[in-house]
Amino acid sequence: MIHIYSDIDRIEAAAWRALEASETANWFQTREAYAFYSAVPEEMQPFCFAAEEDSRLVGVMQGYLTQTGSRLKQWFTRRAIIVGGPMLSDTISDAALEQLLLTARRQLSSQAIYIETRNFNDYSRWRPVFERCGFAYQPHLNFHVDTSSAEQMEALISKSRKRDIKTSLRDGATLVEQPTLEQVHAFYAILQQLYRTKVKTPLPSWRFFEMLYQQPHAQFLLVAFEEQIIGGTACVCLPGKAVYEWYVCGKDGRYEHIFPSSLATYSGMRYAADNGYPRFDMMGAGKPNETYGVRDFKARFGGKEVEHGRFLHVCKPLLYAIGVCGVKWIKR
């Protein structure tokens, strides 16, 4: 017997926690992540679907609805994002997964132009089920860094990246592992500049980062130089599994021999290794066969390049096509 729920109050907390032992577990599918999404409703409207099979919780697929810009812009940017990909029991049946996907698709299609899972784990065994339910596979790369030990992690970093880290620390850069909220705000200002001038995609508001700062499994690791914050990384952590680098930035090129972005990512990796997290997840490295400078930056940290891709269901094809053209125009 299969049951699908869309009310988290019907999901037993202990069963949800137990599902974190699965191969597809990630922080973004935890109860804590849902609570965080709920704390910033102006940024994201959370949703959660759960599959129960023979009285056992076998799948959780949660994410958020989001939109950006003016009222007209919002009409073209409504989307449902499942960060990390659904958290599935290793024994979930194809029938249960199919019902989970179809229920999510049916309930979200009236509210979103598209539904997208951004996978941090391998879903290849379930790809036929996703495709049968109208979710097309989209190739997308990522890097997983082995942080099972500090020695293993250090051994894999490229010589050039090691040199950048060493010279940064030698010439006065320091790591701030327990920053104040004021220091996090300085980090946010650097992020704003980066997204406005280079990334050219929407950045969440300051309140998003202020609330993230209060999360028990969030970790801000900042870089300081001459008593000023010059970079950092914002990570979330799933105990026993991974540290996820959600946002990273730095005032690169401003100071001789100081490489804040490199030092920020390294500090996240070191935090993972020192605190028992076997993997540092870089959360994306672009599409294969497309030039992407960020991928080149991430590759030098010694991670394993993986292609776990994304699954995409387009609910409103015409609006989706217009939105894709709009994003290309903005990024020109």
C-alpha atoms as a PDB file:
ATOM      1  CA  MET A   1       0.000   0.000   0.000  1.00  0.00           C
ATOM      2  CA  ILE A   2       1.385   3.399  -1.052  1.00  0.00           C
ATOM      3  CA  HIS A   3       0.389   6.750   0.496  1.00  0.00           C
ATOM      4  CA  ILE A   4       1.574  10.199  -0.603  1.00  0.00           C
ATOM      5  CA  TYR A   5       1.451  13.117   1.842  1.00  0.00           C
ATOM      6  CA  SER A   6       1.892  16.837   1.242  1.00  0.00           C
ATOM      7  CA  ASP A   7       1.590  17.871   4.896  1.00  0.00           C
ATOM      8  CA  ILE A   8       4.814  17.581   6.899  1.00  0.00           C
ATOM      9  CA  ASP A   9       2.820  17.110  10.099  1.00  0.00           C
ATOM     10  CA  ARG A  10       1.894  13.672   8.777  1.00  0.00           C
ATOM     11  CA  ILE A  11       5.548  12.676   8.427  1.00  0.00           C
ATOM     12  CA  GLU A  12       6.930  11.044  11.553  1.00  0.00           C
ATOM     13  CA  ALA A  13      10.056  12.936  12.619  1.00  0.00           C
ATOM     14  CA  ALA A  14      11.989   9.782  13.564  1.00  0.00           C
ATOM     15  CA  ALA A  15      11.249   8.155  10.204  1.00  0.00           C
ATOM     16  CA  TRP A  16      12.344  11.295   8.376  1.00  0.00           C
ATOM     17  CA  ARG A  17      15.571  11.340  10.366  1.00  0.00           C
ATOM     18  CA  ALA A  18      16.176   7.654   9.629  1.00  0.00           C
ATOM     19  CA  LEU A  19      15.891   8.365   5.896  1.00  0.00           C
ATOM     20  CA  GLU A  20      19.035  10.495   6.195  1.00  0.00           C
ATOM     21  CA  ALA A  21      21.015   7.240   6.100  1.00  0.00           C
ATOM     22  CA  SER A  22      20.039   6.721   2.449  1.00  0.00           C
ATOM     23  CA  GLU A  23      22.425   7.166  -0.483  1.00  0.00           C
ATOM     24  CA  THR A  24      20.509  10.220  -1.682  1.00  0.00           C
ATOM     25  CA  ALA A  25      20.372  12.050   1.650  1.00  0.00           C
ATOM     26  CA  ASN A  26      21.249  15.754   1.587  1.00  0.00           C
ATOM     27  CA  TRP A  27      20.673  18.661   3.968  1.00  0.00           C
ATOM     28  CA  PHE A  28      18.161  20.332   1.665  1.00  0.00           C
ATOM     29  CA  GLN A  29      15.715  17.443   2.129  1.00  0.00           C
ATOM     30  CA  THR A  30      15.770  17.493   5.935  1.00  0.00           C
ATOM     31  CA  ARG A  31      13.172  18.789   8.362  1.00  0.00           C
ATOM     32  CA  GLU A  32      15.664  21.506   9.352  1.00  0.00           C
ATOM     33  CA  ALA A  33      15.823  22.734   5.755  1.00  0.00           C
ATOM     34  CA  TYR A  34      12.024  22.920   5.608  1.00  0.00           C
ATOM     35  CA  ALA A  35      12.044  25.000   8.791  1.00  0.00           C
ATOM     36  CA  PHE A  36      14.598  27.353   7.251  1.00  0.00           C
ATOM     37  CA  TYR A  37      12.590  27.763   4.043  1.00  0.00           C
ATOM     38  CA  SER A  38       9.539  28.535   6.181  1.00  0.00           C
ATOM     39  CA  ALA A  39      11.477  31.234   8.051  1.00  0.00           C
ATOM     40  CA  VAL A  40      11.991  33.274   4.862  1.00  0.00           C
ATOM     41  CA  PRO A  41       8.588  33.145   3.116  1.00  0.00           C
ATOM     42  CA  GLU A  42       9.353  36.348   1.213  1.00  0.00           C
ATOM     43  CA  GLU A  43      12.160  34.434  -0.535  1.00  0.00           C
ATOM     44  CA  MET A  44      10.704  30.939  -0.840  1.00  0.00           C
ATOM     45  CA  GLN A  45       7.435  29.135  -0.241  1.00  0.00           C
ATOM     46  CA  PRO A  46       8.252  25.619   0.964  1.00  0.00           C
ATOM     47  CA  PHE A  47       6.526  22.451  -0.191  1.00  0.00           C
ATOM     48  CA  CYS A  48       7.051  18.863   0.842  1.00  0.00           C
ATOM     49  CA  PHE A  49       5.808  15.547  -0.535  1.00  0.00           C
ATOM     50  CA  ALA A  50       6.433  12.228   1.177  1.00  0.00           C
ATOM     51  CA  ALA A  51       5.910   8.644   0.057  1.00  0.00           C
ATOM     52  CA  GLU A  52       4.974   5.917   2.495  1.00  0.00           C
ATOM     53  CA  GLU A  53       5.071   2.300   1.332  1.00  0.00           C
ATOM     54  CA  ASP A  54       3.839  -0.559   3.504  1.00  0.00           C
ATOM     55  CA  SER A  55       3.784   1.845   6.487  1.00  0.00           C
ATOM     56  CA  ARG A  56       7.436   2.868   5.905  1.00  0.00           C
ATOM     57  CA  LEU A  57       8.660   6.302   4.859  1.00  0.00           C
ATOM     58  CA  VAL A  58      10.532   5.694   1.582  1.00  0.00           C
ATOM     59  CA  GLY A  59      10.816   9.125   0.012  1.00  0.00           C
ATOM     60  CA  VAL A  60      10.820  12.864   0.714  1.00  0.00           C
ATOM     61  CA  MET A  61      10.774  15.430  -2.076  1.00  0.00           C
ATOM     62  CA  GLN A  62      10.812  18.975  -0.784  1.00  0.00           C
ATOM     63  CA  GLY A  63      11.820  22.346  -2.078  1.00  0.00           C
ATOM     64  CA  TYR A  64      10.498  25.829  -2.527  1.00  0.00           C
ATOM     65  CA  LEU A  65       8.569  27.998  -4.923  1.00  0.00           C
ATOM     66  CA  THR A  66      10.315  31.241  -5.764  1.00  0.00           C
ATOM     67  CA  GLN A  67      10.039  34.197  -8.119  1.00  0.00           C
ATOM     68  CA  THR A  68      12.036  37.379  -8.617  1.00  0.00           C
ATOM     69  CA  GLY A  69      11.708  41.001  -9.622  1.00  0.00           C
ATOM     70  CA  SER A  70       8.681  43.140 -10.392  1.00  0.00           C
ATOM     71  CA  ARG A  71       5.183  41.706 -10.734  1.00  0.00           C
ATOM     72  CA  LEU A  72       5.677  41.251 -14.483  1.00  0.00           C
ATOM     73  CA  LYS A  73       9.076  39.615 -13.951  1.00  0.00           C
ATOM     74  CA  GLN A  74       7.620  37.317 -11.318  1.00  0.00           C
ATOM     75  CA  TRP A  75       5.110  36.038 -13.857  1.00  0.00           C
ATOM     76  CA  PHE A  76       8.001  34.763 -15.997  1.00  0.00           C
ATOM     77  CA  THR A  77      10.225  33.487 -13.160  1.00  0.00           C
ATOM     78  CA  ARG A  78       7.894  31.315 -11.061  1.00  0.00           C
ATOM     79  CA  ARG A  79       9.713  28.058 -10.439  1.00  0.00           C
ATOM     80  CA  ALA A  80       9.771  25.090  -8.092  1.00  0.00           C
ATOM     81  CA  ILE A  81      13.279  24.046  -7.051  1.00  0.00           C
ATOM     82  CA  ILE A  82      14.181  20.786  -5.312  1.00  0.00           C
ATOM     83  CA  VAL A  83      17.750  21.441  -4.191  1.00  0.00           C
ATOM     84  CA  GLY A  84      19.867  18.316  -3.762  1.00  0.00           C
ATOM     85  CA  GLY A  85      17.280  16.024  -5.329  1.00  0.00           C
ATOM     86  CA  PRO A  86      14.674  13.971  -3.433  1.00  0.00           C
ATOM     87  CA  MET A  87      15.759  11.849  -0.485  1.00  0.00           C
ATOM     88  CA  LEU A  88      14.838   8.271  -1.359  1.00  0.00           C
ATOM     89  CA  SER A  89      15.085   5.006   0.505  1.00  0.00           C
ATOM     90  CA  ASP A  90      17.390   2.536  -1.215  1.00  0.00           C
ATOM     91  CA  THR A  91      14.411   0.149  -1.310  1.00  0.00           C
ATOM     92  CA  ILE A  92      11.745   2.502  -2.696  1.00  0.00           C
ATOM     93  CA  SER A  93       9.722   0.830  -5.442  1.00  0.00           C
ATOM     94  CA  ASP A  94       9.310   2.364  -8.882  1.00  0.00           C
ATOM     95  CA  ALA A  95       5.569   2.563  -8.211  1.00  0.00           C
ATOM     96  CA  ALA A  96       6.051   4.602  -5.031  1.00  0.00           C
ATOM     97  CA  LEU A  97       8.525   6.966  -6.694  1.00  0.00           C
ATOM     98  CA  GLU A  98       6.184   7.375  -9.644  1.00  0.00           C
ATOM     99  CA  GLN A  99       3.304   8.346  -7.373  1.00  0.00           C
ATOM    100  CA  LEU A 100       5.561  10.768  -5.491  1.00  0.00           C
ATOM    101  CA  LEU A 101       6.681  12.483  -8.707  1.00  0.00           C
ATOM    102  CA  LEU A 102       3.238  12.622 -10.278  1.00  0.00           C
ATOM    103  CA  THR A 103       1.661  14.046  -7.120  1.00  0.00           C
ATOM    104  CA  ALA A 104       4.329  16.747  -6.895  1.00  0.00           C
ATOM    105  CA  ARG A 105       3.944  17.532 -10.578  1.00  0.00           C
ATOM    106  CA  ARG A 106       0.158  17.762 -10.345  1.00  0.00           C
ATOM    107  CA  GLN A 107       0.137  20.034  -7.297  1.00  0.00           C
ATOM    108  CA  LEU A 108       2.981  22.324  -8.374  1.00  0.00           C
ATOM    109  CA  SER A 109       2.109  22.766 -12.059  1.00  0.00           C
ATOM    110  CA  SER A 110      -0.466  25.490 -11.418  1.00  0.00           C
ATOM    111  CA  GLN A 111       2.048  27.514  -9.389  1.00  0.00           C
ATOM    112  CA  ALA A 112       5.280  27.131 -11.346  1.00  0.00           C
ATOM    113  CA  ILE A 113       6.540  27.477 -14.908  1.00  0.00           C
ATOM    114  CA  TYR A 114       8.900  24.592 -14.319  1.00  0.00           C
ATOM    115  CA  ILE A 115       9.929  22.079 -11.656  1.00  0.00           C
ATOM    116  CA  GLU A 116      13.616  21.254 -11.334  1.00  0.00           C
ATOM    117  CA  THR A 117      15.602  18.866  -9.156  1.00  0.00           C
ATOM    118  CA  ARG A 118      19.263  19.822  -8.709  1.00  0.00           C
ATOM    119  CA  ASN A 119      20.868  16.510  -7.915  1.00  0.00           C
ATOM    120  CA  PHE A 120      23.828  16.129  -5.551  1.00  0.00           C
ATOM    121  CA  ASN A 121      23.776  12.317  -5.655  1.00  0.00           C
ATOM    122  CA  ASP A 122      23.472   9.567  -8.244  1.00  0.00           C
ATOM    123  CA  TYR A 123      19.877   9.009  -9.431  1.00  0.00           C
ATOM    124  CA  SER A 124      20.765   6.998 -12.540  1.00  0.00           C
ATOM    125  CA  ARG A 125      18.950   3.883 -11.303  1.00  0.00           C
ATOM    126  CA  TRP A 126      15.716   5.905 -11.091  1.00  0.00           C
ATOM    127  CA  ARG A 127      16.163   7.938 -14.274  1.00  0.00           C
ATOM    128  CA  PRO A 128      13.623   5.860 -16.286  1.00  0.00           C
ATOM    129  CA  VAL A 129      10.975   6.559 -13.632  1.00  0.00           C
ATOM    130  CA  PHE A 130      11.663  10.306 -13.680  1.00  0.00           C
ATOM    131  CA  GLU A 131      11.488  10.382 -17.467  1.00  0.00           C
ATOM    132  CA  ARG A 132       8.297   8.325 -17.515  1.00  0.00           C
ATOM    133  CA  CYS A 133       6.771  10.957 -15.219  1.00  0.00           C
ATOM    134  CA  GLY A 134       7.724  13.820 -17.538  1.00  0.00           C
ATOM    135  CA  PHE A 135      11.010  14.888 -15.934  1.00  0.00           C
ATOM    136  CA  ALA A 136      13.686  15.208 -18.636  1.00  0.00           C
ATOM    137  CA  TYR A 137      17.303  14.625 -17.672  1.00  0.00           C
ATOM    138  CA  GLN A 138      19.607  17.648 -18.055  1.00  0.00           C
ATOM    139  CA  PRO A 139      23.398  17.058 -17.846  1.00  0.00           C
ATOM    140  CA  HIS A 140      25.042  19.117 -15.116  1.00  0.00           C
ATOM    141  CA  LEU A 141      28.429  18.810 -13.430  1.00  0.00           C
ATOM    142  CA  ASN A 142      29.562  19.066  -9.841  1.00  0.00           C
ATOM    143  CA  PHE A 143      32.641  18.422  -7.703  1.00  0.00           C
ATOM    144  CA  HIS A 144      32.745  16.201  -4.622  1.00  0.00           C
ATOM    145  CA  VAL A 145      35.852  16.605  -2.488  1.00  0.00           C
ATOM    146  CA  ASP A 146      36.951  13.674  -0.333  1.00  0.00           C
ATOM    147  CA  THR A 147      37.259  15.089   3.195  1.00  0.00           C
ATOM    148  CA  SER A 148      37.331  11.747   5.011  1.00  0.00           C
ATOM    149  CA  SER A 149      40.693  12.899   6.368  1.00  0.00           C
ATOM    150  CA  ALA A 150      42.645  16.139   6.307  1.00  0.00           C
ATOM    151  CA  GLU A 151      45.641  14.312   4.830  1.00  0.00           C
ATOM    152  CA  GLN A 152      43.570  12.887   1.974  1.00  0.00           C
ATOM    153  CA  MET A 153      42.040  16.279   1.253  1.00  0.00           C
ATOM    154  CA  GLU A 154      45.358  18.138   1.267  1.00  0.00           C
ATOM    155  CA  ALA A 155      47.011  15.579  -1.005  1.00  0.00           C
ATOM    156  CA  LEU A 156      44.488  16.190  -3.799  1.00  0.00           C
ATOM    157  CA  ILE A 157      44.663  19.993  -3.952  1.00  0.00           C
ATOM    158  CA  SER A 158      46.616  21.309  -6.955  1.00  0.00           C
ATOM    159  CA  LYS A 159      50.034  22.869  -6.433  1.00  0.00           C
ATOM    160  CA  SER A 160      48.871  26.267  -7.666  1.00  0.00           C
ATOM    161  CA  ARG A 161      45.912  26.284  -5.280  1.00  0.00           C
ATOM    162  CA  LYS A 162      48.117  25.211  -2.363  1.00  0.00           C
ATOM    163  CA  ARG A 163      50.458  28.069  -3.190  1.00  0.00           C
ATOM    164  CA  ASP A 164      47.573  30.575  -3.188  1.00  0.00           C
ATOM    165  CA  ILE A 165      46.408  29.359   0.221  1.00  0.00           C
ATOM    166  CA  LYS A 166      49.906  29.357   1.698  1.00  0.00           C
ATOM    167  CA  THR A 167      50.806  32.851   0.492  1.00  0.00           C
ATOM    168  CA  SER A 168      47.444  34.251   1.628  1.00  0.00           C
ATOM    169  CA  LEU A 169      47.998  33.021   5.176  1.00  0.00           C
ATOM    170  CA  ARG A 170      51.669  34.008   5.132  1.00  0.00           C
ATOM    171  CA  ASP A 171      50.905  37.581   4.092  1.00  0.00           C
ATOM    172  CA  GLY A 172      48.286  38.263   6.737  1.00  0.00           C
ATOM    173  CA  ALA A 173      44.914  36.797   5.746  1.00  0.00           C
ATOM    174  CA  THR A 174      43.112  35.075   8.619  1.00  0.00           C
ATOM    175  CA  LEU A 175      40.126  32.740   8.910  1.00  0.00           C
ATOM    176  CA  VAL A 176      37.096  33.716  10.982  1.00  0.00           C
ATOM    177  CA  GLU A 177      35.252  30.564  12.018  1.00  0.00           C
ATOM    178  CA  GLN A 178      32.754  32.165  14.399  1.00  0.00           C
ATOM    179  CA  PRO A 179      31.894  35.496  12.788  1.00  0.00           C
ATOM    180  CA  THR A 180      29.583  38.097  14.244  1.00  0.00           C
ATOM    181  CA  LEU A 181      26.397  39.031  12.426  1.00  0.00           C
ATOM    182  CA  GLU A 182      28.061  42.307  11.473  1.00  0.00           C
ATOM    183  CA  GLN A 183      30.898  40.389   9.804  1.00  0.00           C
ATOM    184  CA  VAL A 184      28.393  38.214   7.960  1.00  0.00           C
ATOM    185  CA  HIS A 185      26.756  41.401   6.685  1.00  0.00           C
ATOM    186  CA  ALA A 186      30.130  42.507   5.277  1.00  0.00           C
ATOM    187  CA  PHE A 187      30.388  39.122   3.539  1.00  0.00           C
ATOM    188  CA  TYR A 188      26.900  39.670   2.112  1.00  0.00           C
ATOM    189  CA  ALA A 189      27.934  43.036   0.666  1.00  0.00           C
ATOM    190  CA  ILE A 190      30.732  41.297  -1.260  1.00  0.00           C
ATOM    191  CA  LEU A 191      28.243  38.700  -2.526  1.00  0.00           C
ATOM    192  CA  GLN A 192      25.915  41.461  -3.704  1.00  0.00           C
ATOM    193  CA  GLN A 193      28.682  43.028  -5.765  1.00  0.00           C
ATOM    194  CA  LEU A 194      29.624  39.664  -7.271  1.00  0.00           C
ATOM    195  CA  TYR A 195      26.059  38.805  -8.261  1.00  0.00           C
ATOM    196  CA  ARG A 196      25.396  42.266  -9.653  1.00  0.00           C
ATOM    197  CA  THR A 197      28.511  42.436 -11.827  1.00  0.00           C
ATOM    198  CA  LYS A 198      29.393  38.839 -12.745  1.00  0.00           C
ATOM    199  CA  VAL A 199      26.856  36.181 -11.807  1.00  0.00           C
ATOM    200  CA  LYS A 200      23.871  38.293 -12.909  1.00  0.00           C
ATOM    201  CA  THR A 201      21.268  36.079 -11.286  1.00  0.00           C
ATOM    202  CA  PRO A 202      19.095  37.012  -8.283  1.00  0.00           C
ATOM    203  CA  LEU A 203      20.679  36.878  -4.841  1.00  0.00           C
ATOM    204  CA  PRO A 204      18.471  36.338  -1.778  1.00  0.00           C
ATOM    205  CA  SER A 205      17.913  39.284   0.524  1.00  0.00           C
ATOM    206  CA  TRP A 206      19.942  40.044   3.626  1.00  0.00           C
ATOM    207  CA  ARG A 207      17.174  38.522   5.758  1.00  0.00           C
ATOM    208  CA  PHE A 208      17.818  35.155   4.087  1.00  0.00           C
ATOM    209  CA  PHE A 209      21.440  35.205   5.284  1.00  0.00           C
ATOM    210  CA  GLU A 210      20.484  36.629   8.669  1.00  0.00           C
ATOM    211  CA  MET A 211      18.142  33.677   9.234  1.00  0.00           C
ATOM    212  CA  LEU A 212      20.681  31.198   7.816  1.00  0.00           C
ATOM    213  CA  TYR A 213      23.186  32.492  10.381  1.00  0.00           C
ATOM    214  CA  GLN A 214      20.833  31.275  13.109  1.00  0.00           C
ATOM    215  CA  GLN A 215      20.508  27.729  11.740  1.00  0.00           C
ATOM    216  CA  PRO A 216      22.251  25.068  13.866  1.00  0.00           C
ATOM    217  CA  HIS A 217      23.654  23.248  10.820  1.00  0.00           C
ATOM    218  CA  ALA A 218      24.811  26.374   8.960  1.00  0.00           C
ATOM    219  CA  GLN A 219      28.433  27.477   9.047  1.00  0.00           C
ATOM    220  CA  PHE A 220      29.823  30.820   7.905  1.00  0.00           C
ATOM    221  CA  LEU A 221      33.593  30.759   7.399  1.00  0.00           C
ATOM    222  CA  LEU A 222      34.978  34.177   6.550  1.00  0.00           C
ATOM    223  CA  VAL A 223      38.316  35.582   5.417  1.00  0.00           C
ATOM    224  CA  ALA A 224      39.742  38.720   7.021  1.00  0.00           C
ATOM    225  CA  PHE A 225      42.653  40.963   6.122  1.00  0.00           C
ATOM    226  CA  GLU A 226      43.734  44.100   7.960  1.00  0.00           C
ATOM    227  CA  GLU A 227      40.646  43.781  10.185  1.00  0.00           C
ATOM    228  CA  GLN A 228      38.280  43.802   7.195  1.00  0.00           C
ATOM    229  CA  ILE A 229      36.163  40.938   5.831  1.00  0.00           C
ATOM    230  CA  ILE A 230      37.328  40.275   2.270  1.00  0.00           C
ATOM    231  CA  GLY A 231      35.556  36.997   1.478  1.00  0.00           C
ATOM    232  CA  GLY A 232      34.010  33.864   2.836  1.00  0.00           C
ATOM    233  CA  THR A 233      31.734  30.907   2.351  1.00  0.00           C
ATOM    234  CA  ALA A 234      28.268  30.041   3.638  1.00  0.00           C
ATOM    235  CA  CYS A 235      27.811  26.300   4.116  1.00  0.00           C
ATOM    236  CA  VAL A 236      25.157  23.954   5.453  1.00  0.00           C
ATOM    237  CA  CYS A 237      25.991  20.562   6.909  1.00  0.00           C
ATOM    238  CA  LEU A 238      24.380  17.141   7.163  1.00  0.00           C
ATOM    239  CA  PRO A 239      26.085  15.221   9.985  1.00  0.00           C
ATOM    240  CA  GLY A 240      27.894  12.128   8.802  1.00  0.00           C
ATOM    241  CA  LYS A 241      27.319  13.012   5.145  1.00  0.00           C
ATOM    242  CA  ALA A 242      28.557  16.291   3.715  1.00  0.00           C
ATOM    243  CA  VAL A 243      29.220  20.000   3.956  1.00  0.00           C
ATOM    244  CA  TYR A 244      27.540  21.950   1.139  1.00  0.00           C
ATOM    245  CA  GLU A 245      29.091  25.190  -0.121  1.00  0.00           C
ATOM    246  CA  TRP A 246      25.990  27.265  -0.826  1.00  0.00           C
ATOM    247  CA  TYR A 247      27.604  30.684  -1.396  1.00  0.00           C
ATOM    248  CA  VAL A 248      31.230  31.751  -1.731  1.00  0.00           C
ATOM    249  CA  CYS A 249      32.914  35.012  -2.704  1.00  0.00           C
ATOM    250  CA  GLY A 250      36.016  37.094  -2.254  1.00  0.00           C
ATOM    251  CA  LYS A 251      37.601  40.380  -3.198  1.00  0.00           C
ATOM    252  CA  ASP A 252      40.025  38.642  -5.527  1.00  0.00           C
ATOM    253  CA  GLY A 253      42.661  40.731  -7.285  1.00  0.00           C
ATOM    254  CA  ARG A 254      42.503  43.536  -4.707  1.00  0.00           C
ATOM    255  CA  TYR A 255      45.476  42.523  -2.582  1.00  0.00           C
ATOM    256  CA  GLU A 256      48.881  41.233  -3.587  1.00  0.00           C
ATOM    257  CA  HIS A 257      49.411  37.564  -2.670  1.00  0.00           C
ATOM    258  CA  ILE A 258      45.964  37.332  -1.036  1.00  0.00           C
ATOM    259  CA  PHE A 259      43.399  35.013  -2.614  1.00  0.00           C
ATOM    260  CA  PRO A 260      40.227  35.255  -0.500  1.00  0.00           C
ATOM    261  CA  SER A 261      37.945  33.031  -2.613  1.00  0.00           C
ATOM    262  CA  SER A 262      40.507  30.219  -2.625  1.00  0.00           C
ATOM    263  CA  LEU A 263      41.033  30.564   1.106  1.00  0.00           C
ATOM    264  CA  ALA A 264      37.265  30.602   1.731  1.00  0.00           C
ATOM    265  CA  THR A 265      36.629  27.346  -0.121  1.00  0.00           C
ATOM    266  CA  TYR A 266      39.662  25.757   1.490  1.00  0.00           C
ATOM    267  CA  SER A 267      38.365  26.722   4.933  1.00  0.00           C
ATOM    268  CA  GLY A 268      35.075  24.959   4.153  1.00  0.00           C
ATOM    269  CA  MET A 269      36.925  21.833   3.074  1.00  0.00           C
ATOM    270  CA  ARG A 270      39.108  21.924   6.161  1.00  0.00           C
ATOM    271  CA  TYR A 271      36.043  22.384   8.368  1.00  0.00           C
ATOM    272  CA  ALA A 272      34.499  19.268   6.808  1.00  0.00           C
ATOM    273  CA  ALA A 273      37.659  17.192   7.324  1.00  0.00           C
ATOM    274  CA  ASP A 274      38.155  18.373  10.915  1.00  0.00           C
ATOM    275  CA  ASN A 275      34.550  17.737  11.947  1.00  0.00           C
ATOM    276  CA  GLY A 276      33.837  14.291  10.568  1.00  0.00           C
ATOM    277  CA  TYR A 277      32.106  15.123   7.290  1.00  0.00           C
ATOM    278  CA  PRO A 278      33.378  12.717   4.593  1.00  0.00           C
ATOM    279  CA  ARG A 279      32.467  14.944   1.658  1.00  0.00           C
ATOM    280  CA  PHE A 280      32.588  18.597   0.676  1.00  0.00           C
ATOM    281  CA  ASP A 281      29.973  19.286  -1.992  1.00  0.00           C
ATOM    282  CA  MET A 282      30.594  22.272  -4.274  1.00  0.00           C
ATOM    283  CA  MET A 283      26.939  22.406  -5.390  1.00  0.00           C
ATOM    284  CA  GLY A 284      27.414  22.675  -9.125  1.00  0.00           C
ATOM    285  CA  ALA A 285      29.985  23.261 -11.855  1.00  0.00           C
ATOM    286  CA  GLY A 286      27.920  24.102 -14.930  1.00  0.00           C
ATOM    287  CA  LYS A 287      26.934  22.194 -18.028  1.00  0.00           C
ATOM    288  CA  PRO A 288      29.354  19.828 -19.803  1.00  0.00           C
ATOM    289  CA  ASN A 289      31.017  21.110 -22.977  1.00  0.00           C
ATOM    290  CA  GLU A 290      30.334  24.732 -22.028  1.00  0.00           C
ATOM    291  CA  THR A 291      33.080  27.133 -20.951  1.00  0.00           C
ATOM    292  CA  TYR A 292      32.599  27.967 -17.286  1.00  0.00           C
ATOM    293  CA  GLY A 293      35.277  29.785 -15.340  1.00  0.00           C
ATOM    294  CA  VAL A 294      33.851  28.736 -11.975  1.00  0.00           C
ATOM    295  CA  ARG A 295      34.401  25.079 -12.952  1.00  0.00           C
ATOM    296  CA  ASP A 296      38.083  25.767 -13.588  1.00  0.00           C
ATOM    297  CA  PHE A 297      38.343  27.428 -10.171  1.00  0.00           C
ATOM    298  CA  LYS A 298      36.669  24.505  -8.384  1.00  0.00           C
ATOM    299  CA  ALA A 299      38.616  21.833 -10.264  1.00  0.00           C
ATOM    300  CA  ARG A 300      41.890  22.865  -8.624  1.00  0.00           C
ATOM    301  CA  PHE A 301      40.697  21.814  -5.169  1.00  0.00           C
ATOM    302  CA  GLY A 302      41.106  18.153  -6.033  1.00  0.00           C
ATOM    303  CA  GLY A 303      37.468  17.135  -6.060  1.00  0.00           C
ATOM    304  CA  LYS A 304      36.027  14.370  -8.191  1.00  0.00           C
ATOM    305  CA  GLU A 305      34.034  15.686 -11.141  1.00  0.00           C
ATOM    306  CA  VAL A 306      30.609  14.026 -11.192  1.00  0.00           C
ATOM    307  CA  GLU A 307      27.607  14.397 -13.450  1.00  0.00           C
ATOM    308  CA  HIS A 308      24.464  13.754 -11.451  1.00  0.00           C
ATOM    309  CA  GLY A 309      22.513  16.215 -13.572  1.00  0.00           C
ATOM    310  CA  ARG A 310      19.095  17.686 -13.072  1.00  0.00           C
ATOM    311  CA  PHE A 311      15.552  16.565 -13.799  1.00  0.00           C
ATOM    312  CA  LEU A 312      13.309  19.171 -15.401  1.00  0.00           C
ATOM    313  CA  HIS A 313       9.566  19.225 -15.934  1.00  0.00           C
ATOM    314  CA  VAL A 314       8.295  22.228 -17.894  1.00  0.00           C
ATOM    315  CA  CYS A 315       4.748  23.042 -16.809  1.00  0.00           C
ATOM    316  CA  LYS A 316       4.226  26.025 -19.127  1.00  0.00           C
ATOM    317  CA  PRO A 317       6.363  25.675 -22.282  1.00  0.00           C
ATOM    318  CA  LEU A 318       5.697  29.121 -23.783  1.00  0.00           C
ATOM    319  CA  LEU A 319       6.479  31.016 -20.577  1.00  0.00           C
ATOM    320  CA  TYR A 320       9.524  28.802 -20.054  1.00  0.00           C
ATOM    321  CA  ALA A 321      10.870  29.624 -23.525  1.00  0.00           C
ATOM    322  CA  ILE A 322      10.379  33.350 -22.915  1.00  0.00           C
ATOM    323  CA  GLY A 323      12.135  33.060 -19.538  1.00  0.00           C
ATOM    324  CA  VAL A 324      15.131  31.238 -21.037  1.00  0.00           C
ATOM    325  CA  CYS A 325      15.544  33.985 -23.633  1.00  0.00           C
ATOM    326  CA  GLY A 326      15.269  36.611 -20.902  1.00  0.00           C
ATOM    327  CA  VAL A 327      18.015  35.025 -18.793  1.00  0.00           C
ATOM    328  CA  LYS A 328      20.328  34.837 -21.818  1.00  0.00           C
ATOM    329  CA  TRP A 329      19.716  38.523 -22.539  1.00  0.00           C
ATOM    330  CA  ILE A 330      20.419  39.527 -18.915  1.00  0.00           C
ATOM    331  CA  LYS A 331      23.704  37.594 -18.873  1.00  0.00           C
ATOM    332  CA  ARG A 332      25.028  39.039 -22.156  1.00  0.00           C
END
